[in-house]
Every structure is written in C-alpha cells, then in structure tokens.
PDB file of N, CA and C in Angstrom:
ATOM      1  N   MET A   1      12.543 -23.004  16.485  1.00  0.00           N
ATOM      2  CA  MET A   1      11.233 -22.993  15.824  1.00  0.00           C
ATOM      3  C   MET A   1      10.386 -21.826  16.329  1.00  0.00           C
ATOM      4  N   SER A   2      10.388 -21.605  17.636  1.00  0.00           N
ATOM      5  CA  SER A   2       9.564 -20.535  18.189  1.00  0.00           C
ATOM      6  C   SER A   2      10.020 -19.167  17.685  1.00  0.00           C
ATOM      7  N   ILE A   3      11.337 -19.020  17.455  1.00  0.00           N
ATOM      8  CA  ILE A   3      11.855 -17.754  16.935  1.00  0.00           C
ATOM      9  C   ILE A   3      11.301 -17.519  15.528  1.00  0.00           C
ATOM     10  N   TYR A   4      11.259 -18.568  14.721  1.00  0.00           N
ATOM     11  CA  TYR A   4      10.737 -18.456  13.358  1.00  0.00           C
ATOM     12  C   TYR A   4       9.268 -18.029  13.385  1.00  0.00           C
ATOM     13  N   VAL A   5       8.483 -18.666  14.240  1.00  0.00           N
ATOM     14  CA  VAL A   5       7.051 -18.332  14.332  1.00  0.00           C
ATOM     15  C   VAL A   5       6.888 -16.883  14.772  1.00  0.00           C
ATOM     16  N   HIS A   6       7.704 -16.453  15.735  1.00  0.00           N
ATOM     17  CA  HIS A   6       7.615 -15.083  16.225  1.00  0.00           C
ATOM     18  C   HIS A   6       7.936 -14.090  15.107  1.00  0.00           C
ATOM     19  N   ARG A   7       8.973 -14.369  14.330  1.00  0.00           N
ATOM     20  CA  ARG A   7       9.330 -13.476  13.226  1.00  0.00           C
ATOM     21  C   ARG A   7       8.238 -13.472  12.164  1.00  0.00           C
ATOM     22  N   TYR A   8       7.632 -14.611  11.918  1.00  0.00           N
ATOM     23  CA  TYR A   8       6.557 -14.699  10.936  1.00  0.00           C
ATOM     24  C   TYR A   8       5.369 -13.842  11.375  1.00  0.00           C
ATOM     25  N   THR A   9       5.048 -13.887  12.668  1.00  0.00           N
ATOM     26  CA  THR A   9       3.947 -13.082  13.210  1.00  0.00           C
ATOM     27  C   THR A   9       4.251 -11.591  13.045  1.00  0.00           C
ATOM     28  N   ASP A  10       5.492 -11.206  13.345  1.00  0.00           N
ATOM     29  CA  ASP A  10       5.883  -9.805  13.173  1.00  0.00           C
ATOM     30  C   ASP A  10       5.710  -9.379  11.720  1.00  0.00           C
ATOM     31  N   LEU A  11       6.090 -10.254  10.807  1.00  0.00           N
ATOM     32  CA  LEU A  11       5.976  -9.943   9.384  1.00  0.00           C
ATOM     33  C   LEU A  11       4.513  -9.775   8.987  1.00  0.00           C
ATOM     34  N   ASN A  12       3.650 -10.648   9.491  1.00  0.00           N
ATOM     35  CA  ASN A  12       2.225 -10.531   9.189  1.00  0.00           C
ATOM     36  C   ASN A  12       1.660  -9.218   9.722  1.00  0.00           C
ATOM     37  N   ASN A  13       2.073  -8.842  10.939  1.00  0.00           N
ATOM     38  CA  ASN A  13       1.614  -7.572  11.505  1.00  0.00           C
ATOM     39  C   ASN A  13       2.074  -6.409  10.644  1.00  0.00           C
ATOM     40  N   ALA A  14       3.322  -6.472  10.184  1.00  0.00           N
ATOM     41  CA  ALA A  14       3.860  -5.402   9.331  1.00  0.00           C
ATOM     42  C   ALA A  14       3.084  -5.336   8.018  1.00  0.00           C
ATOM     43  N   LYS A  15       2.762  -6.506   7.445  1.00  0.00           N
ATOM     44  CA  LYS A  15       2.010  -6.523   6.192  1.00  0.00           C
ATOM     45  C   LYS A  15       0.595  -5.965   6.401  1.00  0.00           C
ATOM     46  N   GLU A  16      -0.015  -6.281   7.544  1.00  0.00           N
ATOM     47  CA  GLU A  16      -1.349  -5.740   7.835  1.00  0.00           C
ATOM     48  C   GLU A  16      -1.297  -4.223   7.916  1.00  0.00           C
ATOM     49  N   LYS A  17      -0.288  -3.693   8.627  1.00  0.00           N
ATOM     50  CA  LYS A  17      -0.153  -2.241   8.751  1.00  0.00           C
ATOM     51  C   LYS A  17       0.037  -1.622   7.380  1.00  0.00           C
ATOM     52  N   LEU A  18       0.891  -2.244   6.559  1.00  0.00           N
ATOM     53  CA  LEU A  18       1.162  -1.727   5.227  1.00  0.00           C
ATOM     54  C   LEU A  18      -0.118  -1.724   4.388  1.00  0.00           C
ATOM     55  N   CYS A  19      -0.894  -2.796   4.472  1.00  0.00           N
ATOM     56  CA  CYS A  19      -2.148  -2.883   3.722  1.00  0.00           C
ATOM     57  C   CYS A  19      -3.105  -1.780   4.147  1.00  0.00           C
ATOM     58  N   ARG A  20      -3.186  -1.524   5.468  1.00  0.00           N
ATOM     59  CA  ARG A  20      -4.071  -0.468   5.953  1.00  0.00           C
ATOM     60  C   ARG A  20      -3.617   0.886   5.433  1.00  0.00           C
ATOM     61  N   GLN A  21      -2.291   1.104   5.429  1.00  0.00           N
ATOM     62  CA  GLN A  21      -1.773   2.375   4.928  1.00  0.00           C
ATOM     63  C   GLN A  21      -2.115   2.537   3.451  1.00  0.00           C
ATOM     64  N   VAL A  22      -1.945   1.463   2.690  1.00  0.00           N
ATOM     65  CA  VAL A  22      -2.247   1.531   1.257  1.00  0.00           C
ATOM     66  C   VAL A  22      -3.733   1.794   1.040  1.00  0.00           C
ATOM     67  N   MET A  23      -4.585   1.136   1.835  1.00  0.00           N
ATOM     68  CA  MET A  23      -6.030   1.353   1.691  1.00  0.00           C
ATOM     69  C   MET A  23      -6.385   2.812   1.981  1.00  0.00           C
ATOM     70  N   SER A  24      -5.803   3.384   3.037  1.00  0.00           N
ATOM     71  CA  SER A  24      -6.106   4.781   3.351  1.00  0.00           C
ATOM     72  C   SER A  24      -5.582   5.700   2.259  1.00  0.00           C
ATOM     73  N   MET A  25      -4.418   5.336   1.666  1.00  0.00           N
ATOM     74  CA  MET A  25      -3.902   6.143   0.570  1.00  0.00           C
ATOM     75  C   MET A  25      -4.826   6.064  -0.640  1.00  0.00           C
ATOM     76  N   MET A  26      -5.374   4.872  -0.888  1.00  0.00           N
ATOM     77  CA  MET A  26      -6.305   4.724  -2.010  1.00  0.00           C
ATOM     78  C   MET A  26      -7.548   5.584  -1.790  1.00  0.00           C
ATOM     79  N   MET A  27      -8.033   5.635  -0.547  1.00  0.00           N
ATOM     80  CA  MET A  27      -9.188   6.482  -0.245  1.00  0.00           C
ATOM     81  C   MET A  27      -8.850   7.945  -0.533  1.00  0.00           C
ATOM     82  N   MET A  28      -7.635   8.360  -0.129  1.00  0.00           N
ATOM     83  CA  MET A  28      -7.220   9.731  -0.379  1.00  0.00           C
ATOM     84  C   MET A  28      -7.155  10.000  -1.880  1.00  0.00           C
ATOM     85  N   LEU A  29      -6.685   9.005  -2.641  1.00  0.00           N
ATOM     86  CA  LEU A  29      -6.611   9.179  -4.099  1.00  0.00           C
ATOM     87  C   LEU A  29      -8.003   9.303  -4.696  1.00  0.00           C
ATOM     88  N   MET A  30      -8.962   8.538  -4.164  1.00  0.00           N
ATOM     89  CA  MET A  30     -10.340   8.641  -4.653  1.00  0.00           C
ATOM     90  C   MET A  30     -10.888  10.042  -4.393  1.00  0.00           C
ATOM     91  N   ILE A  31     -10.574  10.590  -3.220  1.00  0.00           N
ATOM     92  CA  ILE A  31     -11.025  11.955  -2.907  1.00  0.00           C
ATOM     93  C   ILE A  31     -10.369  12.949  -3.863  1.00  0.00           C
ATOM     94  N   LEU A  32      -9.062  12.755  -4.113  1.00  0.00           N
ATOM     95  CA  LEU A  32      -8.355  13.644  -5.041  1.00  0.00           C
ATOM     96  C   LEU A  32      -8.991  13.615  -6.430  1.00  0.00           C
ATOM     97  N   LYS A  33      -9.496  12.442  -6.793  1.00  0.00           N
ATOM     98  CA  LYS A  33     -10.128  12.315  -8.107  1.00  0.00           C
ATOM     99  C   LYS A  33     -11.261  13.330  -8.262  1.00  0.00           C
ATOM    100  N   PHE A  34     -12.025  13.517  -7.187  1.00  0.00           N
ATOM    101  CA  PHE A  34     -13.164  14.422  -7.268  1.00  0.00           C
ATOM    102  C   PHE A  34     -12.750  15.877  -7.097  1.00  0.00           C
ATOM    103  N   LEU A  35     -11.634  16.112  -6.403  1.00  0.00           N
ATOM    104  CA  LEU A  35     -11.251  17.491  -6.080  1.00  0.00           C
ATOM    105  C   LEU A  35     -10.344  18.137  -7.112  1.00  0.00           C
ATOM    106  N   SER A  36      -9.637  17.335  -7.888  1.00  0.00           N
ATOM    107  CA  SER A  36      -8.623  17.926  -8.756  1.00  0.00           C
ATOM    108  C   SER A  36      -8.844  17.578 -10.224  1.00  0.00           C
ATOM    109  N   SER A  37      -8.033  18.170 -11.048  1.00  0.00           N
ATOM    110  CA  SER A  37      -8.173  17.976 -12.492  1.00  0.00           C
ATOM    111  C   SER A  37      -7.765  16.567 -12.898  1.00  0.00           C
ATOM    112  N   ARG A  38      -8.163  16.179 -14.079  1.00  0.00           N
ATOM    113  CA  ARG A  38      -7.855  14.828 -14.561  1.00  0.00           C
ATOM    114  C   ARG A  38      -6.355  14.618 -14.702  1.00  0.00           C
ATOM    115  N   GLN A  39      -5.649  15.630 -15.117  1.00  0.00           N
ATOM    116  CA  GLN A  39      -4.209  15.498 -15.316  1.00  0.00           C
ATOM    117  C   GLN A  39      -3.532  15.183 -13.973  1.00  0.00           C
ATOM    118  N   HIS A  40      -3.956  15.883 -12.932  1.00  0.00           N
ATOM    119  CA  HIS A  40      -3.391  15.654 -11.606  1.00  0.00           C
ATOM    120  C   HIS A  40      -3.721  14.237 -11.138  1.00  0.00           C
ATOM    121  N   PHE A  41      -4.935  13.805 -11.381  1.00  0.00           N
ATOM    122  CA  PHE A  41      -5.346  12.465 -10.962  1.00  0.00           C
ATOM    123  C   PHE A  41      -4.539  11.391 -11.685  1.00  0.00           C
ATOM    124  N   ALA A  42      -4.220  11.634 -12.949  1.00  0.00           N
ATOM    125  CA  ALA A  42      -3.420  10.667 -13.705  1.00  0.00           C
ATOM    126  C   ALA A  42      -2.064  10.470 -13.035  1.00  0.00           C
ATOM    127  N   SER A  43      -1.454  11.546 -12.531  1.00  0.00           N
ATOM    128  CA  SER A  43      -0.172  11.415 -11.854  1.00  0.00           C
ATOM    129  C   SER A  43      -0.357  10.659 -10.532  1.00  0.00           C
ATOM    130  N   CYS A  44      -1.484  10.866  -9.870  1.00  0.00           N
ATOM    131  CA  CYS A  44      -1.773  10.142  -8.634  1.00  0.00           C
ATOM    132  C   CYS A  44      -1.884   8.640  -8.901  1.00  0.00           C
ATOM    133  N   ILE A  45      -2.487   8.274 -10.027  1.00  0.00           N
ATOM    134  CA  ILE A  45      -2.607   6.856 -10.383  1.00  0.00           C
ATOM    135  C   ILE A  45      -1.223   6.252 -10.585  1.00  0.00           C
ATOM    136  N   LEU A  46      -0.327   6.985 -11.240  1.00  0.00           N
ATOM    137  CA  LEU A  46       1.034   6.484 -11.452  1.00  0.00           C
ATOM    138  C   LEU A  46       1.728   6.247 -10.118  1.00  0.00           C
ATOM    139  N   ILE A  47       1.563   7.185  -9.171  1.00  0.00           N
ATOM    140  CA  ILE A  47       2.160   7.033  -7.847  1.00  0.00           C
ATOM    141  C   ILE A  47       1.566   5.812  -7.155  1.00  0.00           C
ATOM    142  N   ALA A  48       0.250   5.653  -7.248  1.00  0.00           N
ATOM    143  CA  ALA A  48      -0.414   4.511  -6.610  1.00  0.00           C
ATOM    144  C   ALA A  48       0.087   3.198  -7.194  1.00  0.00           C
ATOM    145  N   GLN A  49       0.298   3.162  -8.510  1.00  0.00           N
ATOM    146  CA  GLN A  49       0.807   1.949  -9.146  1.00  0.00           C
ATOM    147  C   GLN A  49       2.226   1.642  -8.671  1.00  0.00           C
ATOM    148  N   ALA A  50       3.036   2.672  -8.485  1.00  0.00           N
ATOM    149  CA  ALA A  50       4.402   2.481  -7.997  1.00  0.00           C
ATOM    150  C   ALA A  50       4.373   1.905  -6.584  1.00  0.00           C
ATOM    151  N   ILE A  51       3.486   2.454  -5.732  1.00  0.00           N
ATOM    152  CA  ILE A  51       3.347   1.948  -4.362  1.00  0.00           C
ATOM    153  C   ILE A  51       2.867   0.503  -4.393  1.00  0.00           C
ATOM    154  N   ASP A  52       1.899   0.217  -5.261  1.00  0.00           N
ATOM    155  CA  ASP A  52       1.368  -1.131  -5.389  1.00  0.00           C
ATOM    156  C   ASP A  52       2.468  -2.103  -5.789  1.00  0.00           C
ATOM    157  N   GLY A  53       3.363  -1.685  -6.668  1.00  0.00           N
ATOM    158  CA  GLY A  53       4.487  -2.519  -7.071  1.00  0.00           C
ATOM    159  C   GLY A  53       5.396  -2.830  -5.894  1.00  0.00           C
ATOM    160  N   LEU A  54       5.622  -1.837  -5.025  1.00  0.00           N
ATOM    161  CA  LEU A  54       6.459  -2.061  -3.848  1.00  0.00           C
ATOM    162  C   LEU A  54       5.813  -3.091  -2.929  1.00  0.00           C
ATOM    163  N   VAL A  55       4.508  -2.961  -2.746  1.00  0.00           N
ATOM    164  CA  VAL A  55       3.796  -3.900  -1.871  1.00  0.00           C
ATOM    165  C   VAL A  55       3.869  -5.310  -2.436  1.00  0.00           C
ATOM    166  N   ASP A  56       3.709  -5.455  -3.750  1.00  0.00           N
ATOM    167  CA  ASP A  56       3.795  -6.771  -4.388  1.00  0.00           C
ATOM    168  C   ASP A  56       5.168  -7.388  -4.178  1.00  0.00           C
ATOM    169  N   ASP A  57       6.221  -6.574  -4.323  1.00  0.00           N
ATOM    170  CA  ASP A  57       7.585  -7.076  -4.135  1.00  0.00           C
ATOM    171  C   ASP A  57       7.780  -7.592  -2.710  1.00  0.00           C
ATOM    172  N   ARG A  58       7.298  -6.843  -1.760  1.00  0.00           N
ATOM    173  CA  ARG A  58       7.502  -7.228  -0.362  1.00  0.00           C
ATOM    174  C   ARG A  58       6.602  -8.394   0.022  1.00  0.00           C
ATOM    175  N   GLY A  59       5.480  -8.545  -0.674  1.00  0.00           N
ATOM    176  CA  GLY A  59       4.550  -9.626  -0.356  1.00  0.00           C
ATOM    177  C   GLY A  59       5.110 -11.001  -0.664  1.00  0.00           C
ATOM    178  N   ASP A  60       6.168 -11.064  -1.462  1.00  0.00           N
ATOM    179  CA  ASP A  60       6.754 -12.354  -1.829  1.00  0.00           C
ATOM    180  C   ASP A  60       7.672 -12.914  -0.755  1.00  0.00           C
ATOM    181  N   TRP A  61       7.876 -12.191   0.323  1.00  0.00           N
ATOM    182  CA  TRP A  61       8.683 -12.692   1.426  1.00  0.00           C
ATOM    183  C   TRP A  61       8.091 -13.993   1.859  1.00  0.00           C
TER     184      TRP A  61
END
C-alpha cells in the first residue's frame, strides 16, 4: 500500500511540474501574440492545442 501511495505522490508532482511548464508556455504564446504576425500566432495556437491534448491524455492516469 505504501508503495502505491508513494507512486501516486510522484505522479502528482510530475503533473504539477507539467502544468507549470504548460502555463509558462501559454504565457510565452501570449507574448508571441503581441510580437508576431497573426499567421504566426495561428500556428502557435495549433501547437498549444497539440500540447494540451497530450496533457489531457496523460491526465487520465
């Protein structure tokens, strides 16, 4: 039982780190929105959506 709890804690820590990384990436995308053309920003949104999909998949663990 203790091994299961320990692994669960590790998973939560990993998810927290991943969430922080995604949040910082979103901030960078917001900055890109102001610095670059709309066409470039549209591609950034597609990348962000792809990353978001990966996070959703892993969140179902």
